[in-house]
Amino acid sequence: MTLMNHDATDNDTVSMGSPLLTHLDAQGRAHMVDVGEKPRTDRVAVAKAVVRMSPATAAAIVAGDAPKGDVIGTARLAAIQAAKRTDEWIPLAHTLPLDAVDVDIEVDAPAGAVSVVTTARVRARTGVEMEAMVGCAAGALCVYDMVKGIERGVVLERVELLEKRGGRSGTWRRNDED
């Protein structure tokens, strides 16, 4: 596949048709996007991870009977800590001064499911989608770690962005067709 730079300079984006690839320079190399000229705006992102396990393992989480202790509390802390360090996980992510990270964890024991929903908030020049997604992914991984002594077949089913608000692109919400 040939990169077409359309008279791009080193700071421009590269097009391979459409849309523009904002994280490639004119030579097709990955680079961090310069957001210095963008205005700071309030931004919010909500992401969700789902962890599947047996109903018995999920019931042990609810009862507080996991061998490593408080699964929900530990997963919540893991999600917050990871969201704050997203720039260390994702190479082209900007370091953001997060204003808040909220984590809601729900266990549906009969269905054998744990959902980790992370909301990240910031006033910045770029969005917080990756912070929300990294947070819920880390929380889900922590759930696995906390229950692997009970069940090795636990599955991280998905990580998905549910909503983002703020910035030039405005508001986006996942719907059933996405």
C-alpha atoms as a PDB file:
ATOM      1  CA  MET A   1       0.000   0.000   0.000  1.00  0.00           C
ATOM      2  CA  THR A   2       1.429   3.364  -1.005  1.00  0.00           C
ATOM      3  CA  LEU A   3       1.195   6.366   1.310  1.00  0.00           C
ATOM      4  CA  MET A   4      -0.014   9.437  -0.510  1.00  0.00           C
ATOM      5  CA  ASN A   5       1.106  12.590   1.224  1.00  0.00           C
ATOM      6  CA  HIS A   6      -0.856  15.181  -0.779  1.00  0.00           C
ATOM      7  CA  ASP A   7       1.800  17.897  -0.360  1.00  0.00           C
ATOM      8  CA  ALA A   8       2.153  17.093   3.336  1.00  0.00           C
ATOM      9  CA  THR A   9       4.847  18.610   5.485  1.00  0.00           C
ATOM     10  CA  ASP A  10       6.481  16.852   8.403  1.00  0.00           C
ATOM     11  CA  ASN A  11       3.668  18.056  10.697  1.00  0.00           C
ATOM     12  CA  ASP A  12       0.782  17.159   8.414  1.00  0.00           C
ATOM     13  CA  THR A  13      -1.214  13.980   8.314  1.00  0.00           C
ATOM     14  CA  VAL A  14      -0.973  11.295   5.663  1.00  0.00           C
ATOM     15  CA  SER A  15      -3.894  10.077   3.613  1.00  0.00           C
ATOM     16  CA  MET A  16      -4.214   6.540   2.316  1.00  0.00           C
ATOM     17  CA  GLY A  17      -7.489   7.448   0.649  1.00  0.00           C
ATOM     18  CA  SER A  18      -9.841   8.548   3.383  1.00  0.00           C
ATOM     19  CA  PRO A  19      -9.885   9.396   6.277  1.00  0.00           C
ATOM     20  CA  LEU A  20      -6.612  11.111   7.093  1.00  0.00           C
ATOM     21  CA  LEU A  21      -4.240   9.087   9.235  1.00  0.00           C
ATOM     22  CA  THR A  22      -3.484  11.642  11.916  1.00  0.00           C
ATOM     23  CA  HIS A  23      -0.773   9.630  13.658  1.00  0.00           C
ATOM     24  CA  LEU A  24       1.495   9.311  10.617  1.00  0.00           C
ATOM     25  CA  ASP A  25       3.893  11.975   9.396  1.00  0.00           C
ATOM     26  CA  ALA A  26       4.518  12.796   5.732  1.00  0.00           C
ATOM     27  CA  GLN A  27       6.937   9.875   5.486  1.00  0.00           C
ATOM     28  CA  GLY A  28       4.398   7.423   6.920  1.00  0.00           C
ATOM     29  CA  ARG A  29       6.097   7.149  10.314  1.00  0.00           C
ATOM     30  CA  ALA A  30       4.094   7.034  13.522  1.00  0.00           C
ATOM     31  CA  HIS A  31       4.190  10.264  15.515  1.00  0.00           C
ATOM     32  CA  MET A  32       2.340  11.897  18.369  1.00  0.00           C
ATOM     33  CA  VAL A  33      -0.198  14.444  17.151  1.00  0.00           C
ATOM     34  CA  ASP A  34       0.526  18.057  18.122  1.00  0.00           C
ATOM     35  CA  VAL A  35      -2.521  19.299  20.036  1.00  0.00           C
ATOM     36  CA  GLY A  36      -0.840  22.484  21.299  1.00  0.00           C
ATOM     37  CA  GLU A  37      -3.054  24.837  19.289  1.00  0.00           C
ATOM     38  CA  LYS A  38      -6.338  23.133  20.202  1.00  0.00           C
ATOM     39  CA  PRO A  39      -8.477  24.769  22.891  1.00  0.00           C
ATOM     40  CA  ARG A  40      -8.882  23.092  26.263  1.00  0.00           C
ATOM     41  CA  THR A  41     -12.414  21.774  26.642  1.00  0.00           C
ATOM     42  CA  ASP A  42     -14.239  19.550  29.100  1.00  0.00           C
ATOM     43  CA  ARG A  43     -14.083  15.947  27.914  1.00  0.00           C
ATOM     44  CA  VAL A  44     -15.658  12.774  29.258  1.00  0.00           C
ATOM     45  CA  ALA A  45     -15.413   9.171  28.111  1.00  0.00           C
ATOM     46  CA  VAL A  46     -17.157   6.050  29.381  1.00  0.00           C
ATOM     47  CA  ALA A  47     -15.920   2.542  28.589  1.00  0.00           C
ATOM     48  CA  LYS A  48     -16.959  -0.926  29.653  1.00  0.00           C
ATOM     49  CA  ALA A  49     -15.259  -4.305  29.967  1.00  0.00           C
ATOM     50  CA  VAL A  50     -17.119  -7.557  30.585  1.00  0.00           C
ATOM     51  CA  VAL A  51     -15.569 -10.567  32.292  1.00  0.00           C
ATOM     52  CA  ARG A  52     -17.256 -13.980  31.933  1.00  0.00           C
ATOM     53  CA  MET A  53     -16.913 -16.803  34.437  1.00  0.00           C
ATOM     54  CA  SER A  54     -18.978 -19.534  36.031  1.00  0.00           C
ATOM     55  CA  PRO A  55     -21.891 -18.472  38.226  1.00  0.00           C
ATOM     56  CA  ALA A  56     -20.116 -20.103  41.190  1.00  0.00           C
ATOM     57  CA  THR A  57     -17.030 -17.936  40.719  1.00  0.00           C
ATOM     58  CA  ALA A  58     -19.153 -14.802  40.361  1.00  0.00           C
ATOM     59  CA  ALA A  59     -21.047 -15.780  43.525  1.00  0.00           C
ATOM     60  CA  ALA A  60     -17.704 -16.087  45.361  1.00  0.00           C
ATOM     61  CA  ILE A  61     -16.902 -12.503  44.345  1.00  0.00           C
ATOM     62  CA  VAL A  62     -20.241 -11.286  45.712  1.00  0.00           C
ATOM     63  CA  ALA A  63     -19.769 -13.255  48.939  1.00  0.00           C
ATOM     64  CA  GLY A  64     -16.212 -11.969  49.387  1.00  0.00           C
ATOM     65  CA  ASP A  65     -14.866 -15.529  49.263  1.00  0.00           C
ATOM     66  CA  ALA A  66     -12.142 -15.108  46.629  1.00  0.00           C
ATOM     67  CA  PRO A  67      -8.758 -16.444  47.777  1.00  0.00           C
ATOM     68  CA  LYS A  68      -6.974 -13.132  47.117  1.00  0.00           C
ATOM     69  CA  GLY A  69      -9.529 -10.984  48.960  1.00  0.00           C
ATOM     70  CA  ASP A  70     -11.706  -8.076  47.871  1.00  0.00           C
ATOM     71  CA  VAL A  71     -12.041  -8.535  44.097  1.00  0.00           C
ATOM     72  CA  ILE A  72     -14.247  -5.515  43.476  1.00  0.00           C
ATOM     73  CA  GLY A  73     -12.245  -3.062  45.572  1.00  0.00           C
ATOM     74  CA  THR A  74      -8.928  -4.207  44.133  1.00  0.00           C
ATOM     75  CA  ALA A  75     -10.234  -4.100  40.542  1.00  0.00           C
ATOM     76  CA  ARG A  76     -11.565  -0.579  41.131  1.00  0.00           C
ATOM     77  CA  LEU A  77      -8.124   0.586  42.288  1.00  0.00           C
ATOM     78  CA  ALA A  78      -6.439  -1.144  39.334  1.00  0.00           C
ATOM     79  CA  ALA A  79      -8.787   0.628  36.920  1.00  0.00           C
ATOM     80  CA  ILE A  80      -8.092   4.041  38.447  1.00  0.00           C
ATOM     81  CA  GLN A  81      -4.344   3.495  38.553  1.00  0.00           C
ATOM     82  CA  ALA A  82      -4.208   2.280  34.944  1.00  0.00           C
ATOM     83  CA  ALA A  83      -6.339   5.163  33.637  1.00  0.00           C
ATOM     84  CA  LYS A  84      -3.887   7.601  35.223  1.00  0.00           C
ATOM     85  CA  ARG A  85      -0.980   5.875  33.438  1.00  0.00           C
ATOM     86  CA  THR A  86      -2.509   5.387  29.999  1.00  0.00           C
ATOM     87  CA  ASP A  87       0.361   7.221  28.301  1.00  0.00           C
ATOM     88  CA  GLU A  88       2.648   4.429  29.539  1.00  0.00           C
ATOM     89  CA  TRP A  89       0.422   1.746  27.965  1.00  0.00           C
ATOM     90  CA  ILE A  90      -0.433   3.428  24.663  1.00  0.00           C
ATOM     91  CA  PRO A  91       2.637   4.772  22.810  1.00  0.00           C
ATOM     92  CA  LEU A  92       0.998   7.719  21.007  1.00  0.00           C
ATOM     93  CA  ALA A  93      -1.347   8.782  23.817  1.00  0.00           C
ATOM     94  CA  HIS A  94      -0.832  12.171  25.414  1.00  0.00           C
ATOM     95  CA  THR A  95      -0.184  12.515  29.140  1.00  0.00           C
ATOM     96  CA  LEU A  96      -3.408  13.923  30.580  1.00  0.00           C
ATOM     97  CA  PRO A  97      -4.033  15.555  33.956  1.00  0.00           C
ATOM     98  CA  LEU A  98      -7.206  13.627  34.739  1.00  0.00           C
ATOM     99  CA  ASP A  99      -9.791  15.473  36.801  1.00  0.00           C
ATOM    100  CA  ALA A 100     -11.629  12.300  37.818  1.00  0.00           C
ATOM    101  CA  VAL A 101     -11.836   8.574  37.195  1.00  0.00           C
ATOM    102  CA  ASP A 102     -14.970   6.800  38.382  1.00  0.00           C
ATOM    103  CA  VAL A 103     -15.271   3.021  38.322  1.00  0.00           C
ATOM    104  CA  ASP A 104     -18.499   1.068  38.717  1.00  0.00           C
ATOM    105  CA  ILE A 105     -18.273  -2.704  39.001  1.00  0.00           C
ATOM    106  CA  GLU A 106     -21.360  -4.881  38.874  1.00  0.00           C
ATOM    107  CA  VAL A 107     -21.502  -8.621  39.387  1.00  0.00           C
ATOM    108  CA  ASP A 108     -24.345 -10.656  37.885  1.00  0.00           C
ATOM    109  CA  ALA A 109     -23.691 -13.927  39.686  1.00  0.00           C
ATOM    110  CA  PRO A 110     -26.428 -16.017  37.982  1.00  0.00           C
ATOM    111  CA  ALA A 111     -25.118 -14.944  34.561  1.00  0.00           C
ATOM    112  CA  GLY A 112     -21.456 -15.360  35.585  1.00  0.00           C
ATOM    113  CA  ALA A 113     -20.582 -11.833  34.495  1.00  0.00           C
ATOM    114  CA  VAL A 114     -18.666  -8.930  35.967  1.00  0.00           C
ATOM    115  CA  SER A 115     -18.865  -5.569  34.214  1.00  0.00           C
ATOM    116  CA  VAL A 116     -16.321  -2.830  34.819  1.00  0.00           C
ATOM    117  CA  VAL A 117     -17.438   0.628  33.689  1.00  0.00           C
ATOM    118  CA  THR A 118     -14.877   3.413  33.827  1.00  0.00           C
ATOM    119  CA  THR A 119     -15.638   7.108  33.352  1.00  0.00           C
ATOM    120  CA  ALA A 120     -12.711   9.463  32.802  1.00  0.00           C
ATOM    121  CA  ARG A 121     -12.980  13.267  32.935  1.00  0.00           C
ATOM    122  CA  VAL A 122     -10.501  15.965  31.956  1.00  0.00           C
ATOM    123  CA  ARG A 123     -10.277  19.547  30.770  1.00  0.00           C
ATOM    124  CA  ALA A 124      -7.701  19.211  28.016  1.00  0.00           C
ATOM    125  CA  ARG A 125      -6.852  19.533  24.329  1.00  0.00           C
ATOM    126  CA  THR A 126      -7.464  15.865  23.539  1.00  0.00           C
ATOM    127  CA  GLY A 127      -9.988  13.222  24.520  1.00  0.00           C
ATOM    128  CA  VAL A 128      -9.983  10.650  27.314  1.00  0.00           C
ATOM    129  CA  GLU A 129     -11.334   7.634  25.442  1.00  0.00           C
ATOM    130  CA  MET A 130      -8.108   5.690  25.865  1.00  0.00           C
ATOM    131  CA  GLU A 131      -7.967   6.468  29.591  1.00  0.00           C
ATOM    132  CA  ALA A 132     -11.481   5.094  30.082  1.00  0.00           C
ATOM    133  CA  MET A 133     -10.731   2.012  27.964  1.00  0.00           C
ATOM    134  CA  VAL A 134      -7.359   1.281  29.578  1.00  0.00           C
ATOM    135  CA  GLY A 135      -8.978   1.703  32.987  1.00  0.00           C
ATOM    136  CA  CYS A 136     -11.771  -0.789  32.402  1.00  0.00           C
ATOM    137  CA  ALA A 137      -9.373  -3.234  30.693  1.00  0.00           C
ATOM    138  CA  ALA A 138      -7.028  -3.147  33.693  1.00  0.00           C
ATOM    139  CA  GLY A 139      -9.955  -3.560  36.071  1.00  0.00           C
ATOM    140  CA  ALA A 140     -11.120  -6.594  34.094  1.00  0.00           C
ATOM    141  CA  LEU A 141      -7.611  -8.082  34.083  1.00  0.00           C
ATOM    142  CA  CYS A 142      -7.484  -7.565  37.830  1.00  0.00           C
ATOM    143  CA  VAL A 143     -10.780  -9.465  38.233  1.00  0.00           C
ATOM    144  CA  TYR A 144      -9.194 -12.350  36.320  1.00  0.00           C
ATOM    145  CA  ASP A 145      -6.087 -12.251  38.502  1.00  0.00           C
ATOM    146  CA  MET A 146      -8.132 -12.184  41.693  1.00  0.00           C
ATOM    147  CA  VAL A 147     -10.236 -15.251  40.759  1.00  0.00           C
ATOM    148  CA  LYS A 148      -7.812 -17.392  38.749  1.00  0.00           C
ATOM    149  CA  GLY A 149      -7.266 -19.524  41.874  1.00  0.00           C
ATOM    150  CA  ILE A 150     -10.940 -20.491  41.682  1.00  0.00           C
ATOM    151  CA  GLU A 151     -11.332 -20.763  37.914  1.00  0.00           C
ATOM    152  CA  ARG A 152      -8.784 -20.598  35.101  1.00  0.00           C
ATOM    153  CA  GLY A 153     -11.399 -20.413  32.330  1.00  0.00           C
ATOM    154  CA  VAL A 154     -12.366 -16.789  33.000  1.00  0.00           C
ATOM    155  CA  VAL A 155     -12.659 -14.763  29.765  1.00  0.00           C
ATOM    156  CA  LEU A 156     -12.351 -11.043  29.153  1.00  0.00           C
ATOM    157  CA  GLU A 157     -15.219 -10.819  26.714  1.00  0.00           C
ATOM    158  CA  ARG A 158     -14.910  -7.281  25.408  1.00  0.00           C
ATOM    159  CA  VAL A 159     -13.705  -3.752  25.990  1.00  0.00           C
ATOM    160  CA  GLU A 160     -15.789  -1.046  24.354  1.00  0.00           C
ATOM    161  CA  LEU A 161     -16.264   2.685  24.337  1.00  0.00           C
ATOM    162  CA  LEU A 162     -19.825   3.516  25.390  1.00  0.00           C
ATOM    163  CA  GLU A 163     -19.741   7.295  25.147  1.00  0.00           C
ATOM    164  CA  LYS A 164     -17.492  10.297  24.606  1.00  0.00           C
ATOM    165  CA  ARG A 165     -18.310  13.968  25.050  1.00  0.00           C
ATOM    166  CA  GLY A 166     -16.414  17.145  24.334  1.00  0.00           C
ATOM    167  CA  GLY A 167     -13.901  18.376  21.840  1.00  0.00           C
ATOM    168  CA  ARG A 168     -14.383  19.190  18.181  1.00  0.00           C
ATOM    169  CA  SER A 169     -16.297  16.004  17.366  1.00  0.00           C
ATOM    170  CA  GLY A 170     -18.891  16.558  20.103  1.00  0.00           C
ATOM    171  CA  THR A 171     -20.881  13.711  21.613  1.00  0.00           C
ATOM    172  CA  TRP A 172     -20.883  10.086  20.502  1.00  0.00           C
ATOM    173  CA  ARG A 173     -22.810   7.218  22.100  1.00  0.00           C
ATOM    174  CA  ARG A 174     -22.741   3.529  21.248  1.00  0.00           C
ATOM    175  CA  ASN A 175     -26.046   2.224  20.036  1.00  0.00           C
ATOM    176  CA  ASP A 176     -27.236  -1.289  19.278  1.00  0.00           C
ATOM    177  CA  GLU A 177     -26.051  -1.052  15.668  1.00  0.00           C
ATOM    178  CA  ASP A 178     -22.413  -0.161  16.558  1.00  0.00           C
END
